[in-house]
Amino acid sequence: MVHSPDLRALGRVIALSRRDSLAVGRGTENPHGLLVDTRLSRAHATFAFDASAGQFRVSDSGSRNGTFVQGRRVQTALLEPDSVIRLGGSVLVFAENERMMQLTERADQVAAGALSLLILGETGTGKELLARRIHEHSRRTGPFVAVNCAALPREMIAAELFGHTRGAFSGAVRERAGLFRSAQGGTLLLDEIGDMPLELQPALLRVLQEKKVRPVGSDQEAAIDVRVLAATHNDLAEKAKTGEFRADLWARLAQITLVIPPLRARRAELLALARKLGEAQQRKLTLSAESAEALLLWSWPLNVRELESLLALYAATAAPGQPLDLEFLRRAKPELLEAREDDALEGAGGAAGGVSEEGASSESRAVGEADLRRVLAEAEGNLAVAARELGISRQKLYRWLSQAGLDPHSFRRSFRGGTANE
């Protein structure tokens, strides 16, 4: 249960076996308790396993306000993993497992060890946040230090990581300890490690193996006690095969590998995360059932950063007490609602109320990223025009953009007299 006017129900997990049948309604007693929601009918919907289909099914029980799966009103629908179900003013996510919970439990288990950790995940999924959590659970008394390897000037990476002596190179007016020694007794996160130049990787491998650093310009080594975590959005295993990344360094960094799923695959936790991000903006997040559903159904191509940006806009522009409702989303992020509305129209006859990840992936291969960029440029950022040019619905265009990792909103804004980043 991810959204409900009954606050006691938030976060409630209802485990169903294939033998179970769960009836939900305002007047329906079940082992999980009554749900206080005035928009529910007395007998609203039933969840049960469909043996012939091998899946769980939700069926409407003649409710007044309807049963919605993936934003579409249904009489009955088979449930796919991460299906979003709206019943009255309450929203549930059908999850076969809780991937992020399993990931954090695994991270906590290995936090106190000494093995190197490699954290994989798309840009914006929260790799640094997970690394900080690991440090906090590690019992190490030193600091947590993070460095983005992709942001370091190529000629300065060795000096930044290992330190340098005074006069080691032009501009080295004083000695510098470097990030490894700055993290002494603590944790060093090497973010975007996949972008580290190949010629510098042997020196990093030696530091990891010997636990000693030699500052640039010095012939003396200094012992270090540092837990090294690395993170990247790249497939290091593939880069190691092609020679773009040293295989021995990859093996040394990936003694334990943790993979963070993208936000679109974490629907069961998305609204709880949104509430935490809202608190960080010093703004209590208030949602309607429809806006909660819309947030859950968006693909979030930029992951947590995109959600955080939306909530920052809400905190900065919405009047006190104004909910983050469909009207706010229509002004702040119109493509989110356009995709939702197009999806409902395109899939009105669909049985399951959604497209599987496999289906979406095969569709995305039909048009490459370069072609998507070209068509959007020719359409001056108008996604409706671009969809017509490609001969597809806007919903499918949004899906392709998501699979290519492109943010539709940046294209819309980039042609309004400024840049995509303004």
Protein backbone atom coordinates (compact mmCIF):
# COMPACT_ATOMS: atom_id res chain seq x y z
CA MET A 1 0.00 0.00 0.00
CA VAL A 2 1.84 3.10 -1.23
CA HIS A 3 -0.89 5.76 -0.99
CA SER A 4 -4.08 5.98 1.05
CA PRO A 5 -6.16 8.47 3.03
CA ASP A 6 -5.86 5.85 5.79
CA LEU A 7 -2.34 6.73 6.99
CA ARG A 8 -2.17 3.61 9.13
CA ALA A 9 -2.22 1.56 5.94
CA LEU A 10 0.79 3.24 4.30
CA GLY A 11 3.61 0.76 3.78
CA ARG A 12 1.37 -2.18 4.64
CA VAL A 13 2.53 -5.32 2.81
CA ILE A 14 -0.12 -7.93 2.05
CA ALA A 15 1.43 -11.29 1.20
CA LEU A 16 -0.73 -13.51 -1.01
CA SER A 17 -0.29 -17.17 -1.73
CA ARG A 18 -1.85 -18.91 -4.70
CA ARG A 19 -4.57 -20.24 -2.43
CA ASP A 20 -5.54 -16.81 -1.11
CA SER A 21 -8.36 -14.56 -2.24
CA LEU A 22 -8.34 -11.00 -0.94
CA ALA A 23 -11.48 -8.85 -1.01
CA VAL A 24 -11.02 -5.09 -0.62
CA GLY A 25 -13.82 -2.68 0.22
CA ARG A 26 -15.04 -0.13 2.73
CA GLY A 27 -17.22 -2.73 4.46
CA THR A 28 -15.09 -5.78 3.80
CA GLU A 29 -13.44 -7.55 6.71
CA ASN A 30 -10.17 -9.34 5.97
CA PRO A 31 -7.13 -10.43 7.99
CA HIS A 32 -5.38 -7.18 7.07
CA GLY A 33 -8.05 -4.96 8.62
CA LEU A 34 -10.56 -2.51 7.27
CA LEU A 35 -9.32 0.24 4.97
CA VAL A 36 -10.73 3.65 5.87
CA ASP A 37 -11.28 5.22 2.45
CA THR A 38 -14.59 6.93 1.64
CA ARG A 39 -13.98 6.56 -2.11
CA LEU A 40 -14.04 2.77 -1.79
CA SER A 41 -17.29 0.93 -2.38
CA ARG A 42 -18.40 -1.49 0.32
CA ALA A 43 -17.30 -4.34 -1.94
CA HIS A 44 -14.77 -2.84 -4.34
CA ALA A 45 -12.40 -5.46 -5.80
CA THR A 46 -11.00 -8.95 -5.32
CA PHE A 47 -7.48 -10.27 -5.82
CA ALA A 48 -7.04 -13.99 -6.58
CA PHE A 49 -4.66 -16.31 -8.40
CA ASP A 50 -5.76 -17.28 -11.92
CA ALA A 51 -4.47 -20.85 -12.36
CA SER A 52 -5.16 -20.94 -16.11
CA ALA A 53 -3.04 -17.82 -16.70
CA GLY A 54 -0.48 -18.57 -13.98
CA GLN A 55 -0.80 -15.01 -12.64
CA PHE A 56 -2.70 -13.06 -10.03
CA ARG A 57 -5.80 -11.23 -11.22
CA VAL A 58 -7.76 -8.28 -9.87
CA SER A 59 -11.50 -8.11 -10.57
CA ASP A 60 -13.82 -5.19 -9.93
CA SER A 61 -16.79 -6.05 -7.69
CA GLY A 62 -19.22 -3.56 -9.23
CA SER A 63 -17.62 -0.57 -7.52
CA ARG A 64 -18.89 2.97 -7.97
CA ASN A 65 -15.51 4.64 -8.60
CA GLY A 66 -13.91 1.81 -10.52
CA THR A 67 -10.76 -0.31 -10.40
CA PHE A 68 -7.74 1.00 -12.30
CA VAL A 69 -4.65 -0.92 -13.41
CA GLN A 70 -1.80 1.07 -15.00
CA GLY A 71 -4.12 4.07 -15.16
CA ARG A 72 -6.90 2.27 -17.06
CA ARG A 73 -10.28 1.38 -15.69
CA VAL A 74 -10.78 -2.39 -15.88
CA GLN A 75 -13.37 -4.97 -15.02
CA THR A 76 -10.66 -7.59 -14.64
CA ALA A 77 -6.93 -7.61 -15.34
CA LEU A 78 -3.94 -9.89 -14.90
CA LEU A 79 -1.21 -8.33 -12.76
CA GLU A 80 2.37 -8.02 -13.94
CA PRO A 81 5.25 -7.28 -11.55
CA ASP A 82 5.12 -3.61 -10.50
CA SER A 83 1.53 -3.16 -11.72
CA VAL A 84 -0.06 -0.04 -10.20
CA ILE A 85 -3.62 -0.56 -8.90
CA ARG A 86 -5.89 2.31 -7.83
CA LEU A 87 -8.96 1.50 -5.76
CA GLY A 88 -10.92 4.55 -4.65
CA GLY A 89 -8.45 6.92 -3.01
CA SER A 90 -5.87 4.20 -2.34
CA VAL A 91 -3.01 3.01 -4.54
CA LEU A 92 -1.20 -0.34 -4.34
CA VAL A 93 1.79 -1.80 -6.17
CA PHE A 94 1.80 -5.49 -7.02
CA ALA A 95 5.37 -6.60 -6.33
CA GLU A 96 6.69 -10.16 -6.63
CA ASN A 97 9.69 -9.14 -4.56
CA GLU A 98 11.12 -5.99 -3.06
CA ARG A 99 14.40 -5.54 -4.92
CA MET A 100 15.59 -2.39 -3.16
CA MET A 101 14.89 -3.81 0.29
CA GLN A 102 16.90 -6.91 -0.59
CA LEU A 103 19.71 -4.69 -1.91
CA THR A 104 19.96 -2.55 1.24
CA GLU A 105 19.87 -5.67 3.43
CA ARG A 106 22.74 -7.11 1.39
CA ALA A 107 24.65 -3.82 1.64
CA ASP A 108 24.23 -3.75 5.42
CA GLN A 109 25.47 -7.35 5.65
CA VAL A 110 28.74 -6.62 3.83
CA ALA A 111 29.29 -3.09 5.19
CA ALA A 112 31.57 -4.13 8.06
CA GLY A 113 33.85 -6.24 5.86
CA ALA A 114 37.09 -5.26 4.18
CA LEU A 115 36.34 -6.40 0.62
CA SER A 116 36.10 -3.83 -2.17
CA LEU A 117 32.60 -3.06 -3.41
CA LEU A 118 31.45 -2.14 -6.91
CA ILE A 119 28.07 -0.38 -7.12
CA LEU A 120 26.40 -0.47 -10.54
CA GLY A 121 23.37 1.49 -11.67
CA GLU A 122 22.02 4.02 -14.14
CA THR A 123 22.87 7.69 -13.71
CA GLY A 124 20.85 9.23 -10.89
CA THR A 125 19.83 5.99 -9.14
CA GLY A 126 21.50 6.93 -5.85
CA LYS A 127 24.83 5.12 -5.98
CA GLU A 128 26.51 7.65 -3.69
CA LEU A 129 23.64 7.42 -1.21
CA LEU A 130 24.09 3.66 -1.02
CA ALA A 131 27.85 4.12 -0.59
CA ARG A 132 27.24 6.51 2.32
CA ARG A 133 24.90 3.98 3.89
CA ILE A 134 27.59 1.30 3.63
CA HIS A 135 30.12 3.64 5.28
CA GLU A 136 27.68 4.46 8.10
CA HIS A 137 27.16 0.74 8.78
CA SER A 138 30.85 -0.13 8.44
CA ARG A 139 31.96 0.95 11.95
CA ARG A 140 34.92 2.71 10.37
CA THR A 141 35.82 5.85 12.33
CA GLY A 142 37.41 7.85 9.51
CA PRO A 143 35.59 10.13 7.05
CA PHE A 144 33.56 9.31 3.97
CA VAL A 145 35.24 10.87 0.92
CA ALA A 146 33.70 10.80 -2.57
CA VAL A 147 35.33 11.75 -5.86
CA ASN A 148 33.83 11.78 -9.35
CA CYS A 149 36.57 10.36 -11.55
CA ALA A 150 34.86 11.66 -14.69
CA ALA A 151 35.03 15.25 -13.38
CA LEU A 152 38.78 15.24 -12.64
CA PRO A 153 41.14 16.79 -15.24
CA ARG A 154 42.95 13.90 -16.91
CA GLU A 155 46.41 15.26 -16.08
CA MET A 156 45.49 15.81 -12.41
CA ILE A 157 43.87 12.48 -11.49
CA ALA A 158 47.03 10.92 -10.02
CA ALA A 159 47.79 14.02 -7.94
CA GLU A 160 44.19 14.28 -6.71
CA LEU A 161 44.04 10.62 -5.68
CA PHE A 162 47.57 9.97 -4.42
CA GLY A 163 48.70 13.47 -3.43
CA HIS A 164 51.80 15.37 -4.52
CA THR A 165 54.87 17.06 -3.13
CA ARG A 166 55.64 20.74 -3.33
CA GLY A 167 57.13 21.56 -6.73
CA ALA A 168 56.15 18.19 -8.24
CA PHE A 169 54.72 20.01 -11.25
CA SER A 170 53.91 23.54 -12.36
CA GLY A 171 51.46 25.07 -9.91
CA ALA A 172 52.22 22.64 -7.04
CA VAL A 173 53.10 25.38 -4.56
CA ARG A 174 52.44 23.22 -1.53
CA GLU A 175 52.29 19.57 -0.57
CA ARG A 176 48.89 17.86 -0.81
CA ALA A 177 47.85 14.63 0.91
CA GLY A 178 45.48 13.39 -1.80
CA LEU A 179 42.08 11.75 -1.44
CA PHE A 180 43.32 8.31 -0.37
CA ARG A 181 45.17 9.74 2.65
CA SER A 182 42.31 12.18 3.34
CA ALA A 183 40.04 9.15 3.76
CA GLN A 184 42.42 7.45 6.21
CA GLY A 185 40.49 5.13 8.54
CA GLY A 186 37.32 5.68 6.54
CA THR A 187 35.83 5.07 3.10
CA LEU A 188 36.76 6.39 -0.34
CA LEU A 189 34.13 6.29 -3.10
CA LEU A 190 35.55 6.31 -6.62
CA ASP A 191 32.44 7.38 -8.51
CA GLU A 192 32.25 6.89 -12.29
CA ILE A 193 35.31 4.64 -12.11
CA GLY A 194 34.55 3.47 -15.65
CA ASP A 195 35.78 6.83 -16.95
CA MET A 196 39.25 6.53 -15.39
CA PRO A 197 41.94 6.70 -18.13
CA LEU A 198 43.43 3.32 -18.95
CA GLU A 199 47.03 4.50 -18.38
CA LEU A 200 46.29 5.43 -14.75
CA GLN A 201 44.62 2.17 -13.84
CA PRO A 202 47.84 0.20 -13.06
CA ALA A 203 48.75 2.77 -10.36
CA LEU A 204 45.28 2.45 -8.80
CA LEU A 205 45.50 -1.34 -8.88
CA ARG A 206 48.85 -1.22 -7.09
CA VAL A 207 47.44 1.01 -4.35
CA LEU A 208 44.54 -1.38 -3.80
CA GLN A 209 46.87 -4.38 -3.62
CA GLU A 210 49.71 -2.88 -1.57
CA LYS A 211 47.61 -0.49 0.57
CA LYS A 212 50.24 2.17 0.04
CA VAL A 213 50.29 5.38 -1.98
CA ARG A 214 53.22 7.21 -3.52
CA PRO A 215 52.52 10.94 -3.98
CA VAL A 216 53.42 12.47 -7.34
CA GLY A 217 56.98 13.79 -7.13
CA SER A 218 57.96 11.56 -4.19
CA ASP A 219 59.90 8.31 -3.98
CA GLN A 220 58.45 7.49 -0.56
CA GLU A 221 55.28 5.45 0.01
CA ALA A 222 52.71 6.03 2.75
CA ALA A 223 50.60 3.24 4.25
CA ILE A 224 46.83 3.71 4.07
CA ASP A 225 43.85 2.12 5.82
CA VAL A 226 40.94 2.89 3.49
CA ARG A 227 37.87 0.92 2.42
CA VAL A 228 37.44 1.50 -1.31
CA LEU A 229 34.02 1.59 -2.95
CA ALA A 230 33.62 2.16 -6.67
CA ALA A 231 30.54 3.11 -8.64
CA THR A 232 29.69 3.39 -12.32
CA HIS A 233 26.86 3.35 -14.83
CA ASN A 234 29.14 1.51 -17.27
CA ASP A 235 29.23 -2.24 -17.83
CA LEU A 236 32.77 -2.82 -16.57
CA ALA A 237 32.68 -6.51 -17.38
CA GLU A 238 32.04 -5.67 -21.04
CA LYS A 239 34.67 -2.91 -21.03
CA ALA A 240 37.16 -5.39 -19.56
CA LYS A 241 36.43 -7.79 -22.43
CA THR A 242 37.06 -5.10 -25.05
CA GLY A 243 40.22 -3.84 -23.34
CA GLU A 244 38.73 -0.44 -22.41
CA PHE A 245 39.15 -1.25 -18.73
CA ARG A 246 41.79 -3.43 -17.08
CA ALA A 247 40.34 -6.84 -16.26
CA ASP A 248 42.54 -7.26 -13.17
CA LEU A 249 41.43 -3.89 -11.78
CA TRP A 250 37.78 -4.72 -12.44
CA ALA A 251 38.21 -8.04 -10.59
CA ARG A 252 39.87 -6.24 -7.66
CA LEU A 253 37.14 -3.59 -7.43
CA ALA A 254 34.27 -6.04 -7.88
CA GLN A 255 35.02 -8.42 -5.01
CA ILE A 256 31.37 -7.71 -4.14
CA THR A 257 28.98 -6.21 -6.69
CA LEU A 258 25.73 -4.44 -5.84
CA VAL A 259 23.32 -3.41 -8.61
CA ILE A 260 20.85 -0.58 -7.96
CA PRO A 261 17.68 -0.97 -10.03
CA PRO A 262 16.41 2.13 -11.87
CA LEU A 263 13.60 4.13 -10.29
CA ARG A 264 11.06 2.80 -12.81
CA ALA A 265 11.69 -0.68 -11.36
CA ARG A 266 11.20 0.49 -7.76
CA ARG A 267 7.57 1.51 -7.77
CA ALA A 268 6.85 -0.04 -4.37
CA GLU A 269 9.23 2.45 -2.72
CA LEU A 270 8.88 5.47 -5.03
CA LEU A 271 6.29 7.42 -3.04
CA ALA A 272 8.07 6.77 0.28
CA LEU A 273 11.24 8.10 -1.35
CA ALA A 274 9.30 11.12 -2.65
CA ARG A 275 8.09 11.88 0.88
CA LYS A 276 11.66 11.75 2.21
CA LEU A 277 12.87 14.04 -0.56
CA GLY A 278 9.99 16.40 0.22
CA GLU A 279 11.08 16.51 3.86
CA ALA A 280 14.59 17.39 2.70
CA GLN A 281 13.01 20.34 0.87
CA GLN A 282 11.21 21.21 4.14
CA ARG A 283 7.89 20.60 2.48
CA LYS A 284 5.36 17.94 3.50
CA LEU A 285 4.28 16.10 0.36
CA THR A 286 0.51 15.88 -0.14
CA LEU A 287 -0.76 13.80 -3.06
CA SER A 288 -4.10 12.89 -4.54
CA ALA A 289 -4.67 9.25 -5.52
CA GLU A 290 -4.57 10.26 -9.19
CA SER A 291 -1.29 12.20 -8.89
CA ALA A 292 0.25 9.37 -6.85
CA GLU A 293 -0.76 6.99 -9.65
CA ALA A 294 0.72 9.33 -12.27
CA LEU A 295 4.07 9.53 -10.45
CA LEU A 296 4.20 5.75 -10.21
CA LEU A 297 3.47 5.25 -13.90
CA TRP A 298 6.13 7.69 -15.17
CA SER A 299 9.34 6.03 -16.39
CA TRP A 300 11.76 8.50 -14.67
CA PRO A 301 14.54 8.34 -17.29
CA LEU A 302 16.80 10.49 -15.06
CA ASN A 303 15.91 8.45 -11.98
CA VAL A 304 16.10 9.96 -8.48
CA ARG A 305 17.56 13.24 -9.72
CA GLU A 306 14.50 13.84 -11.89
CA LEU A 307 12.14 13.13 -8.99
CA GLU A 308 14.18 15.38 -6.71
CA SER A 309 14.00 18.23 -9.27
CA LEU A 310 10.21 17.93 -9.49
CA LEU A 311 9.85 18.04 -5.72
CA ALA A 312 12.20 21.04 -5.49
CA LEU A 313 9.94 22.87 -7.97
CA TYR A 314 6.90 21.90 -5.90
CA ALA A 315 8.54 23.19 -2.71
CA ALA A 316 9.56 26.46 -4.38
CA THR A 317 6.37 27.31 -6.28
CA ALA A 318 3.34 25.63 -4.71
CA ALA A 319 1.37 27.64 -2.15
CA PRO A 320 1.32 26.35 1.46
CA GLY A 321 -1.21 23.55 1.72
CA GLN A 322 -1.44 23.08 -2.07
CA PRO A 323 -1.22 19.38 -2.90
CA LEU A 324 0.97 17.98 -5.62
CA ASP A 325 -2.08 17.16 -7.72
CA LEU A 326 -2.79 16.62 -11.40
CA GLU A 327 -3.15 20.36 -11.98
CA PHE A 328 0.34 20.99 -10.59
CA LEU A 329 1.77 18.16 -12.73
CA ARG A 330 0.02 19.55 -15.81
CA ARG A 331 1.88 22.84 -15.32
CA ALA A 332 5.22 21.52 -14.04
CA LYS A 333 5.69 18.31 -16.00
CA PRO A 334 3.05 18.05 -18.75
CA GLU A 335 4.75 15.17 -20.55
CA LEU A 336 4.12 12.98 -17.51
CA LEU A 337 0.36 13.35 -17.86
CA GLU A 338 0.44 13.26 -21.66
CA ALA A 339 2.19 9.89 -21.54
CA ARG A 340 -0.35 8.63 -18.99
CA GLU A 341 -3.31 9.81 -21.08
CA ASP A 342 -1.89 8.41 -24.33
CA ASP A 343 -1.18 5.09 -22.62
CA ALA A 344 -4.77 4.86 -21.45
CA LEU A 345 -6.08 5.58 -24.95
CA GLU A 346 -3.66 3.24 -26.73
CA GLY A 347 -4.17 0.37 -24.32
CA ALA A 348 -7.87 0.66 -23.59
CA GLY A 349 -8.44 -2.87 -24.82
CA GLY A 350 -5.39 -4.40 -23.12
CA ALA A 351 -5.94 -7.24 -20.70
CA ALA A 352 -3.03 -6.70 -18.38
CA GLY A 353 -3.00 -2.94 -18.47
CA GLY A 354 0.68 -2.55 -19.18
CA VAL A 355 3.65 -3.29 -21.38
CA SER A 356 6.33 -5.61 -20.09
CA GLU A 357 9.94 -4.50 -19.85
CA GLU A 358 10.80 -7.05 -22.51
CA GLY A 359 8.23 -5.57 -24.88
CA ALA A 360 9.41 -2.06 -24.21
CA SER A 361 13.03 -3.03 -24.82
CA SER A 362 12.28 -4.64 -28.18
CA GLU A 363 10.31 -1.56 -29.25
CA SER A 364 13.15 0.76 -28.27
CA ARG A 365 15.48 -0.94 -30.73
CA ALA A 366 13.25 0.13 -33.64
CA VAL A 367 14.63 3.71 -33.57
CA GLY A 368 18.11 4.63 -32.40
CA GLU A 369 19.08 7.53 -30.16
CA ALA A 370 20.52 9.55 -33.03
CA ASP A 371 17.27 9.27 -34.99
CA LEU A 372 15.24 10.25 -31.94
CA ARG A 373 17.39 13.34 -31.43
CA ARG A 374 17.14 14.27 -35.12
CA VAL A 375 13.35 13.95 -35.25
CA LEU A 376 12.92 15.93 -32.03
CA ALA A 377 15.22 18.66 -33.33
CA GLU A 378 13.26 18.89 -36.59
CA ALA A 379 10.03 19.05 -34.58
CA GLU A 380 11.51 21.89 -32.48
CA GLY A 381 10.87 19.91 -29.31
CA ASN A 382 7.18 19.26 -30.02
CA LEU A 383 6.69 15.63 -29.00
CA ALA A 384 3.28 15.36 -30.65
CA VAL A 385 4.81 16.43 -33.99
CA ALA A 386 7.74 14.05 -33.48
CA ALA A 387 5.38 11.15 -32.76
CA ARG A 388 3.42 11.85 -35.94
CA GLU A 389 6.67 12.01 -37.92
CA LEU A 390 7.65 8.59 -36.59
CA GLY A 391 4.15 7.21 -37.14
CA ILE A 392 3.71 6.21 -33.49
CA SER A 393 1.69 7.35 -30.50
CA ARG A 394 3.17 9.81 -28.03
CA GLN A 395 3.03 7.06 -25.40
CA LYS A 396 5.32 4.89 -27.53
CA LEU A 397 7.63 7.85 -28.15
CA TYR A 398 7.90 8.44 -24.41
CA ARG A 399 8.71 4.75 -23.97
CA TRP A 400 11.47 4.92 -26.60
CA LEU A 401 12.91 8.04 -25.00
CA SER A 402 12.94 6.30 -21.63
CA GLN A 403 14.69 3.23 -23.03
CA ALA A 404 17.30 5.50 -24.68
CA GLY A 405 17.84 7.34 -21.39
CA LEU A 406 16.64 10.67 -22.84
CA ASP A 407 14.62 13.16 -20.81
CA PRO A 408 11.57 14.36 -22.79
CA HIS A 409 11.29 17.48 -20.63
CA SER A 410 14.77 18.65 -21.62
CA PHE A 411 13.81 18.53 -25.29
CA ARG A 412 10.64 20.51 -24.67
CA ARG A 413 12.45 23.22 -22.77
CA SER A 414 15.49 23.39 -25.02
CA PHE A 415 13.43 24.97 -27.80
CA ARG A 416 11.79 27.64 -25.64
CA GLY A 417 14.42 30.30 -26.06
CA GLY A 418 17.07 28.71 -23.83
CA THR A 419 19.06 25.59 -23.19
CA ALA A 420 18.03 22.24 -21.84
CA ASN A 421 19.76 23.00 -18.59
CA GLU A 422 18.38 26.44 -17.81
